Amino acid sequence: MAKKQDLQEWIIAALKAHGGEAHLTRIAQHIWENHEAELLASGDLFYTWQYDMRWQAQHLKAAGKLEKHRKSWRLTGK
């Protein structure tokens, strides 16, 4: 079963798949396409995952792993 913390790994994977930078909607699309079954089986997270994804991105930003650039998110390389 997926947990909120899994979203951090999925965000990083989505960004890597898009060359290190992507718009929020592309990240969400990548996560859905690659983790649909896990999200469907995740209980309440299924209903909140896009909101939680933004919070997990904030944690990545605070850790220096991600930065927001205009309307995109970008990996910092850390």
Protein backbone atom coordinates (compact mmCIF):
# COMPACT_ATOMS: atom_id res chain seq x y z
CA MET A 1 0.00 0.00 0.00
CA ALA A 2 1.38 3.41 -0.98
CA LYS A 3 2.12 6.00 1.68
CA LYS A 4 2.52 9.77 1.46
CA GLN A 5 6.29 9.43 1.76
CA ASP A 6 6.36 7.28 -1.39
CA LEU A 7 5.30 10.35 -3.32
CA GLN A 8 8.75 11.88 -2.79
CA GLU A 9 10.41 9.01 -4.65
CA TRP A 10 7.74 9.15 -7.33
CA ILE A 11 8.20 12.91 -7.80
CA ILE A 12 11.95 12.44 -8.22
CA ALA A 13 11.40 9.59 -10.69
CA ALA A 14 8.93 11.69 -12.68
CA LEU A 15 11.33 14.62 -12.83
CA LYS A 16 14.18 12.36 -13.95
CA ALA A 17 11.93 10.90 -16.65
CA HIS A 18 11.30 14.43 -17.91
CA GLY A 19 14.91 15.54 -17.99
CA GLY A 20 15.03 16.94 -14.46
CA GLU A 21 12.28 19.55 -14.82
CA ALA A 22 8.54 19.32 -15.43
CA HIS A 23 5.26 21.10 -14.87
CA LEU A 24 3.13 19.87 -11.98
CA THR A 25 0.55 18.34 -14.31
CA ARG A 26 3.22 16.27 -16.11
CA ILE A 27 4.52 15.02 -12.76
CA ALA A 28 1.00 14.03 -11.67
CA GLN A 29 0.39 12.34 -15.02
CA HIS A 30 3.65 10.38 -14.72
CA ILE A 31 2.79 9.28 -11.19
CA TRP A 32 -0.69 8.16 -12.22
CA GLU A 33 0.58 6.27 -15.28
CA ASN A 34 3.25 4.46 -13.27
CA HIS A 35 1.55 3.97 -9.90
CA GLU A 36 -2.18 3.79 -10.62
CA ALA A 37 -2.62 0.36 -9.01
CA GLU A 38 -0.73 1.40 -5.88
CA LEU A 39 -2.78 4.58 -5.58
CA LEU A 40 -6.06 2.73 -6.06
CA ALA A 41 -5.10 0.35 -3.25
CA SER A 42 -3.87 3.09 -0.91
CA GLY A 43 -7.08 3.86 0.96
CA ASP A 44 -7.58 7.54 1.74
CA LEU A 45 -4.40 8.50 -0.10
CA PHE A 46 -6.23 7.76 -3.34
CA TYR A 47 -8.45 10.76 -2.68
CA THR A 48 -5.68 13.11 -1.54
CA TRP A 49 -2.56 12.10 -3.48
CA GLN A 50 -2.35 15.19 -5.69
CA TYR A 51 -2.64 17.47 -2.65
CA ASP A 52 -0.15 15.32 -0.73
CA MET A 53 2.19 15.36 -3.72
CA ARG A 54 2.51 19.14 -3.34
CA TRP A 55 3.33 18.79 0.37
CA GLN A 56 5.92 16.13 -0.34
CA ALA A 57 7.45 18.46 -2.92
CA GLN A 58 7.73 21.09 -0.16
CA HIS A 59 9.66 18.55 1.94
CA LEU A 60 11.96 17.87 -1.01
CA LYS A 61 12.44 21.61 -1.47
CA ALA A 62 13.29 22.05 2.23
CA ALA A 63 15.84 19.22 1.88
CA GLY A 64 17.43 21.01 -1.08
CA LYS A 65 16.53 18.30 -3.58
CA LEU A 66 13.95 20.25 -5.55
CA GLU A 67 13.34 23.86 -6.53
CA LYS A 68 10.37 25.57 -8.02
CA HIS A 69 11.08 27.41 -11.26
CA ARG A 70 8.19 29.43 -12.63
CA LYS A 71 5.40 26.87 -13.08
CA SER A 72 7.73 23.87 -13.03
CA TRP A 73 9.60 21.82 -10.48
CA ARG A 74 13.28 21.11 -11.03
CA LEU A 75 15.76 18.70 -9.45
CA THR A 76 18.74 20.43 -7.89
CA GLY A 77 21.15 17.53 -8.26
CA LYS A 78 21.60 17.09 -4.51
